[in-house]
Protein backbone atom coordinates (compact mmCIF):
# COMPACT_ATOMS: atom_id res chain seq x y z
CA MET A 1 3.63 -48.80 2.80
CA LYS A 2 4.46 -45.13 2.24
CA GLU A 3 2.16 -43.16 -0.01
CA LYS A 4 3.58 -41.30 -2.95
CA CYS A 5 4.35 -37.60 -2.45
CA THR A 6 1.87 -35.30 -4.17
CA PHE A 7 4.70 -33.20 -5.61
CA ASN A 8 7.04 -36.17 -6.23
CA LEU A 9 10.12 -35.05 -8.19
CA VAL A 10 9.37 -31.34 -7.77
CA CYS A 11 9.03 -31.62 -3.99
CA SER A 12 11.48 -29.36 -2.13
CA ARG A 13 10.62 -30.39 1.42
CA SER A 14 13.75 -31.73 3.08
CA ASN A 15 11.60 -33.34 5.79
CA CYS A 16 9.13 -35.02 3.42
CA LYS A 17 8.20 -38.50 4.67
CA HIS A 18 6.51 -39.73 1.50
CA PHE A 19 7.80 -41.93 -1.30
CA HIS A 20 9.54 -40.37 -4.33
CA ASP A 21 10.65 -41.59 -7.75
CA THR A 22 14.30 -41.14 -6.82
CA GLN A 23 17.14 -43.58 -6.23
CA ASP A 24 16.77 -43.49 -2.46
CA GLY A 25 13.00 -42.79 -2.42
CA ARG A 26 13.60 -39.45 -0.68
CA SER A 27 12.62 -35.96 -1.74
CA PRO A 28 14.98 -34.59 -4.46
CA GLU A 29 15.68 -31.67 -2.15
CA TYR A 30 16.43 -33.82 0.89
CA GLY A 31 19.14 -32.20 2.99
CA LYS A 32 19.31 -29.09 0.81
CA CYS A 33 19.39 -25.65 2.43
CA ARG A 34 16.15 -23.75 1.83
CA TYR A 35 18.18 -20.60 1.02
CA ASN A 36 20.57 -22.53 -1.22
CA GLN A 37 22.77 -20.17 -3.25
CA THR A 38 21.67 -17.08 -1.35
CA CYS A 39 22.74 -18.57 1.99
CA ILE A 40 25.70 -16.92 3.77
CA ARG A 41 25.44 -18.71 7.11
CA SER A 42 28.88 -19.96 8.10
CA ASP A 43 27.35 -22.64 10.34
CA CYS A 44 25.02 -24.04 7.66
CA GLN A 45 25.26 -27.83 7.41
CA PHE A 46 23.01 -28.35 4.42
CA LEU A 47 23.76 -29.14 0.79
CA HIS A 48 24.11 -26.29 -1.72
CA ASP A 49 24.10 -26.04 -5.51
CA THR A 50 27.71 -24.84 -5.57
CA LEU A 51 30.96 -26.48 -6.66
CA SER A 52 31.98 -27.13 -3.08
CA GLY A 53 28.45 -27.78 -1.80
CA ARG A 54 29.08 -25.10 0.82
CA PRO A 55 27.18 -21.81 1.28
CA PRO A 56 28.39 -19.01 -1.04
CA GLY A 57 30.52 -16.48 0.80
CA LEU A 58 31.69 -18.97 3.42
CA GLU A 59 35.32 -18.44 2.38
CA VAL A 60 35.25 -14.71 3.18
CA ASP A 61 35.03 -13.09 6.59
CA THR A 62 33.08 -10.00 5.59
CA PHE A 63 30.16 -9.28 3.31
CA LYS A 64 30.84 -7.78 -0.07
CA GLU A 65 30.26 -4.06 0.05
CA GLU A 66 27.11 -2.89 -1.65
CA GLU A 67 27.90 -1.38 -5.02
CA LYS A 68 27.20 2.30 -5.39
CA GLY A 69 23.79 2.89 -6.84
CA ASP A 70 22.49 -0.53 -5.85
CA SER A 71 18.98 -0.14 -4.40
CA PHE A 72 17.09 -2.41 -2.04
CA GLU A 73 13.48 -3.03 -3.02
CA ILE A 74 10.93 -4.76 -0.81
CA ARG A 75 7.76 -6.16 -2.35
CA ILE A 76 4.71 -6.66 -0.13
CA PHE A 77 1.46 -8.53 -0.78
CA GLN A 78 -1.51 -8.15 1.61
CA TRP A 79 -4.67 -10.28 1.49
CA ASN A 80 -7.48 -11.48 3.74
CA VAL A 81 -8.24 -14.81 2.05
CA LEU A 82 -11.53 -15.47 3.95
CA SER A 83 -11.82 -18.40 6.33
CA ASP A 84 -13.39 -21.52 4.79
CA ILE A 85 -15.72 -21.84 7.77
CA LEU A 86 -16.86 -18.19 7.61
CA ALA A 87 -17.41 -18.50 3.86
CA GLN A 88 -19.82 -21.39 4.43
CA LYS A 89 -21.75 -19.24 6.92
CA MET A 90 -22.47 -16.51 4.35
CA SER A 91 -26.12 -16.00 3.50
CA PRO A 92 -27.13 -18.05 0.40
CA GLU A 93 -29.70 -15.41 -0.59
CA PHE A 94 -26.86 -13.13 -1.75
CA TYR A 95 -25.03 -15.94 -3.56
CA PRO A 96 -27.34 -17.83 -5.98
CA ASP A 97 -24.50 -20.22 -6.93
CA HIS A 98 -23.15 -20.35 -3.36
CA GLU A 99 -22.40 -24.10 -3.46
CA THR A 100 -19.81 -23.41 -6.16
CA VAL A 101 -18.66 -19.90 -5.26
CA LEU A 102 -18.14 -20.62 -1.56
CA ASP A 103 -16.60 -24.08 -1.96
CA GLY A 104 -13.31 -24.13 -0.07
CA ASP A 105 -11.29 -26.31 -2.46
CA ARG A 106 -12.38 -24.29 -5.47
CA ARG A 107 -11.54 -21.01 -3.73
CA TRP A 108 -8.10 -22.20 -2.67
CA THR A 109 -7.26 -23.35 -6.18
CA MET A 110 -7.75 -19.72 -7.23
CA ILE A 111 -5.92 -18.43 -4.14
CA PHE A 112 -2.87 -20.58 -4.87
CA THR A 113 -2.82 -19.30 -8.46
CA LYS A 114 -2.68 -15.73 -7.19
CA LEU A 115 -0.06 -16.50 -4.54
CA GLU A 116 2.16 -18.26 -7.07
CA GLU A 117 1.97 -15.22 -9.32
CA VAL A 118 3.43 -12.87 -6.71
CA MET A 119 5.85 -15.46 -5.30
CA THR A 120 7.70 -15.51 -8.62
CA SER A 121 8.48 -11.82 -8.00
CA GLY A 122 9.82 -12.42 -4.50
CA HIS A 123 7.01 -10.71 -2.60
CA ILE A 124 6.62 -11.01 1.15
CA LEU A 125 3.05 -12.20 1.69
CA CYS A 126 0.84 -11.26 4.64
CA LEU A 127 -2.40 -13.25 4.86
CA GLN A 128 -5.30 -13.16 7.30
CA GLU A 129 -8.12 -15.65 8.03
CA VAL A 130 -6.01 -18.66 7.09
CA THR A 131 -7.56 -21.66 8.86
CA ARG A 132 -5.32 -24.06 10.71
CA HIS A 133 -6.36 -26.87 8.37
CA ARG A 134 -5.30 -24.94 5.26
CA ALA A 135 -2.03 -23.79 6.83
CA GLU A 136 -0.94 -27.23 7.97
CA ASN A 137 -2.27 -29.37 5.12
CA CYS A 138 -1.90 -27.17 2.05
CA LEU A 139 -0.01 -23.93 2.51
CA GLN A 140 3.08 -25.41 4.17
CA ALA A 141 3.75 -27.78 1.26
CA PHE A 142 3.03 -24.98 -1.21
CA CYS A 143 5.62 -22.74 0.50
CA ASP A 144 8.21 -25.52 0.58
CA LEU A 145 7.70 -26.03 -3.13
CA HIS A 146 8.41 -22.35 -3.83
CA VAL A 147 11.27 -22.03 -1.30
CA TYR A 148 9.29 -19.81 1.06
CA THR A 149 9.25 -19.83 4.85
CA MET A 150 5.76 -19.92 6.37
CA ILE A 151 5.01 -18.35 9.74
CA PHE A 152 1.50 -19.18 10.93
CA ARG A 153 -0.05 -18.07 14.22
CA SER A 154 -3.64 -19.02 15.06
CA HIS A 155 -5.83 -16.80 17.23
CA GLY A 156 -9.26 -18.14 16.28
CA ASN A 157 -11.56 -20.86 17.58
CA GLU A 158 -13.78 -23.64 16.27
CA PHE A 159 -16.38 -21.10 15.02
CA ASN A 160 -13.95 -19.70 12.41
CA GLY A 161 -11.77 -22.76 11.80
CA PHE A 162 -9.02 -21.70 14.23
CA MET A 163 -7.99 -19.05 11.75
CA GLY A 164 -4.89 -16.92 12.09
CA ASN A 165 -2.23 -14.81 10.40
CA CYS A 166 0.36 -16.02 7.91
CA ILE A 167 3.58 -14.34 6.82
CA LEU A 168 5.31 -16.00 3.87
CA VAL A 169 8.96 -15.04 3.40
CA PRO A 170 10.97 -15.64 0.19
CA GLY A 171 14.23 -17.57 0.35
CA HIS A 172 16.49 -14.58 -0.33
CA LEU A 173 15.55 -13.12 3.08
CA LEU A 174 16.51 -14.64 6.43
CA VAL A 175 13.99 -14.87 9.26
CA GLU A 176 15.93 -13.83 12.36
CA ARG A 177 13.12 -13.50 14.86
CA ILE A 178 9.42 -14.32 15.19
CA HIS A 179 7.26 -12.64 17.80
CA SER A 180 3.54 -12.58 18.59
CA VAL A 181 1.72 -10.31 21.02
CA ARG A 182 -1.94 -9.80 21.90
CA PRO A 183 -2.66 -6.04 21.69
CA GLY A 184 -5.83 -6.66 23.71
CA LYS A 185 -3.70 -7.43 26.76
CA LEU A 186 -1.86 -4.11 26.50
CA ILE A 187 -4.99 -1.93 26.41
CA MET A 188 -5.81 0.15 29.47
CA LYS A 189 -9.10 1.68 28.28
CA PRO A 190 -11.77 0.77 27.37
CA VAL A 191 -11.85 -2.35 29.51
CA GLU A 192 -13.99 -4.14 26.91
CA GLY A 193 -11.08 -3.97 24.48
CA LYS A 194 -8.94 -6.29 26.59
CA GLY A 195 -10.84 -9.51 25.92
CA TYR A 196 -9.84 -10.14 22.30
CA PRO A 197 -7.37 -12.92 21.41
CA HIS A 198 -6.23 -11.41 18.09
CA LEU A 199 -2.48 -11.68 17.52
CA LEU A 200 -0.03 -9.18 16.10
CA THR A 201 2.44 -11.43 14.30
CA THR A 202 5.88 -9.96 13.59
CA VAL A 203 9.03 -11.22 11.88
CA LEU A 204 12.46 -9.60 11.83
CA LEU A 205 13.93 -10.09 8.36
CA TYR A 206 17.52 -9.73 7.20
CA SER A 207 18.79 -9.17 3.67
CA PRO A 208 22.30 -10.69 3.41
CA SER A 209 23.00 -8.99 0.08
CA HIS A 210 22.24 -5.52 1.48
CA ARG A 211 23.02 -6.09 5.16
CA LEU A 212 19.73 -4.52 6.24
CA ARG A 213 17.10 -5.54 8.79
CA PHE A 214 13.43 -4.64 8.97
CA PHE A 215 10.20 -5.80 10.58
CA VAL A 216 7.13 -7.07 8.75
CA THR A 217 4.06 -7.39 10.94
CA THR A 218 0.43 -8.29 10.30
CA TYR A 219 -2.79 -7.88 12.25
CA HIS A 220 -6.48 -8.70 11.86
CA MET A 221 -8.44 -6.11 13.80
CA PRO A 222 -11.47 -7.26 15.85
CA CYS A 223 -14.57 -6.44 13.83
CA GLN A 224 -16.35 -4.04 16.19
CA TYR A 225 -18.09 -1.47 14.01
CA LYS A 226 -20.61 -0.68 16.74
CA ARG A 227 -17.79 -0.06 19.23
CA PRO A 228 -15.20 1.93 17.23
CA GLU A 229 -13.41 2.96 20.44
CA ILE A 230 -12.37 -0.69 20.90
CA MET A 231 -10.75 -0.82 17.45
CA LYS A 232 -9.08 2.54 17.98
CA SER A 233 -7.60 1.34 21.27
CA HIS A 234 -6.12 -1.68 19.49
CA LEU A 235 -4.79 0.57 16.73
CA GLN A 236 -3.08 2.82 19.28
CA VAL A 237 -1.27 -0.19 20.72
CA LEU A 238 -0.02 -1.03 17.22
CA TYR A 239 1.27 2.51 16.76
CA ASP A 240 3.00 2.51 20.15
CA LEU A 241 4.76 -0.76 19.34
CA MET A 242 5.85 0.46 15.91
CA LYS A 243 7.15 3.73 17.30
CA THR A 244 9.53 1.95 19.69
CA ALA A 245 10.70 -0.68 17.16
CA PRO A 246 14.51 -0.73 16.73
CA TYR A 247 14.21 -1.35 12.98
CA PRO A 248 11.94 0.01 10.21
CA VAL A 249 8.47 -1.52 10.10
CA ILE A 250 5.93 -2.49 7.46
CA LEU A 251 2.46 -3.23 8.88
CA CYS A 252 -0.07 -5.13 6.77
CA GLY A 253 -3.53 -6.22 7.71
CA ASP A 254 -7.27 -6.14 7.63
CA LEU A 255 -7.80 -3.35 10.16
CA ASN A 256 -11.59 -3.17 9.66
CA MET A 257 -11.26 0.62 9.56
CA THR A 258 -11.30 3.14 6.71
CA PRO A 259 -8.19 5.20 5.85
CA GLU A 260 -9.77 8.23 7.54
CA ASP A 261 -10.22 6.27 10.77
CA VAL A 262 -6.74 4.73 10.65
CA SER A 263 -5.08 8.15 10.21
CA PRO A 264 -1.45 7.07 10.79
CA PRO A 265 0.91 9.21 12.93
CA PRO A 266 3.72 11.26 11.29
CA PHE A 267 6.33 8.51 11.53
CA LEU A 268 4.13 6.24 9.38
CA ASP A 269 2.81 6.52 5.86
CA SER A 270 -0.07 4.65 4.25
CA LEU A 271 -0.52 3.01 0.88
CA TRP A 272 -3.87 4.79 0.60
CA ASN A 273 -2.10 8.18 0.65
CA HIS A 274 -0.62 7.22 -2.73
CA GLN A 275 -3.60 5.49 -4.34
CA LYS A 276 -5.02 7.93 -6.86
CA HIS A 277 -8.34 6.06 -7.16
CA PHE A 278 -9.14 6.27 -3.47
CA PRO A 279 -11.89 6.67 -2.27
CA THR A 280 -13.82 5.55 -5.36
CA ILE A 281 -12.72 1.91 -4.92
CA HIS A 282 -13.00 -0.70 -2.19
CA SER A 283 -10.73 -3.44 -0.87
CA HIS A 284 -13.67 -5.26 0.73
CA VAL A 285 -17.04 -5.94 -0.90
CA HIS A 286 -19.73 -7.68 1.14
CA SER A 287 -23.50 -7.87 1.01
CA ALA A 288 -23.86 -5.44 3.90
CA TYR A 289 -20.67 -3.37 3.67
CA ARG A 290 -17.99 -2.23 1.22
CA ALA A 291 -15.00 -0.02 2.01
CA CYS A 292 -11.21 0.29 2.05
CA ILE A 293 -10.38 -1.60 5.23
CA ASP A 294 -7.18 -3.40 4.17
CA HIS A 295 -3.97 -1.48 4.79
CA ILE A 296 -0.23 -1.35 4.28
CA LEU A 297 1.53 1.12 6.60
CA PHE A 298 5.29 1.74 6.59
CA SER A 299 8.07 3.75 8.25
CA SER A 300 7.91 6.99 6.29
CA SER A 301 11.51 8.07 6.98
CA ILE A 302 13.03 4.83 5.65
CA PHE A 303 10.81 3.54 2.88
CA SER A 304 9.71 5.22 -0.34
CA LEU A 305 6.72 3.78 -2.13
CA VAL A 306 7.70 2.93 -5.71
CA THR A 307 4.54 1.25 -6.97
CA THR A 308 1.20 0.18 -5.55
CA SER A 309 -1.82 -1.61 -6.95
CA LEU A 310 -5.00 -3.43 -6.07
CA ASN A 311 -4.63 -6.91 -7.47
CA SER A 312 -8.24 -7.26 -8.51
CA PHE A 313 -9.35 -10.22 -10.58
CA THR A 314 -11.53 -7.91 -12.65
CA HIS A 315 -11.91 -4.20 -13.34
CA TYR A 316 -13.56 -1.89 -10.85
CA ASP A 317 -16.77 -0.54 -12.30
CA LYS A 318 -20.42 -0.17 -11.40
CA THR A 319 -21.19 -3.64 -12.67
CA PHE A 320 -18.53 -5.24 -10.51
CA LEU A 321 -19.73 -3.40 -7.41
CA SER A 322 -23.37 -4.25 -7.98
CA THR A 323 -25.27 -6.77 -5.87
CA GLU A 324 -24.81 -9.37 -8.62
CA ARG A 325 -21.04 -9.16 -8.28
CA LEU A 326 -20.59 -9.53 -4.55
CA MET A 327 -17.43 -11.24 -3.37
CA PRO A 328 -16.56 -14.05 -3.30
CA ASN A 329 -17.67 -14.79 -6.84
CA ALA A 330 -16.60 -16.81 -9.86
CA ILE A 331 -13.60 -14.51 -10.37
CA GLN A 332 -12.63 -13.46 -6.85
CA PRO A 333 -12.25 -16.20 -4.18
CA SER A 334 -12.36 -13.86 -1.16
CA ASP A 335 -14.45 -10.94 0.01
CA HIS A 336 -11.24 -8.88 0.06
CA ILE A 337 -9.07 -7.60 -2.79
CA PRO A 338 -5.29 -8.19 -2.51
CA LEU A 339 -3.03 -5.15 -2.15
CA THR A 340 0.56 -4.96 -3.36
CA ALA A 341 3.30 -2.42 -2.79
CA CYS A 342 6.94 -2.08 -3.77
CA PHE A 343 9.20 -0.07 -1.44
CA GLN A 344 12.70 1.28 -1.89
CA TRP A 345 14.99 1.68 1.10
CA ASN A 346 16.08 5.32 1.36
CA SER A 347 19.85 5.68 1.66
């Protein structure tokens, strides 16, 4: 006998195999296009919330011209959510209530609350250290519920829960291409930098309403503080790839390097160049280290930064940054603070 779907009548997964309180027992969204009324694909075979049930714009051969003065804004959310397995390996001496603070289910309840908050604004989400278990058993259903496309690529192993990168794309944008590359394989020197499996995950996105394409890419840099030349060699590969990209690029990630070390080339700009509180704040707070190591870089000739913020769960002050308020804690479920940015496409 089929078990009842967790989301039941609010489930939007067209491929849901569970039982629902509907006439046919299927998901209410069964057979419905994930893009629904924003879909302009002429070959789309799914059901739409339109009078004809067909994708809007199917009757016309060309896209409607963009009205003068209409601007295209792109909202980005960057966060290293901390692997469940790595959280359990943190030293209990720094976390007196570690059994509660580091509990995976409790942390992800808070994580989902934060993700839902930015999803309502149509942000593109870039996440690192998402374990394969969380991606397949929790995050996929969560994205389906909110009409988001999830792209997950694992580069980890059993030690860290087979963690990887996630890019979550809102339904008003089309995912045209997904590509993953290992920067470690493209490094010439130093030789030691070639052995890392970390993936650079990239998606090519298309905005039907504005007829514009751009790349969003995310990377989790190998944590090699004692061998900074290894991290710099990986960073140079990222810059080389972005320089030759045929479309504008937004790079998000935990680069494990400070803004001074990242030092983007002229064709790129950094969120930290526009953060008035830098360097008095940190995006990562750990028992042994705290710094700004999370980054959002973007094509400086195409994108203008409209707004930026650190989505902290509490205010930054001396109390918060004291040993008693290490992260994760009762307020913050990860050892990293989320970053957000809103870009405008320059005409």
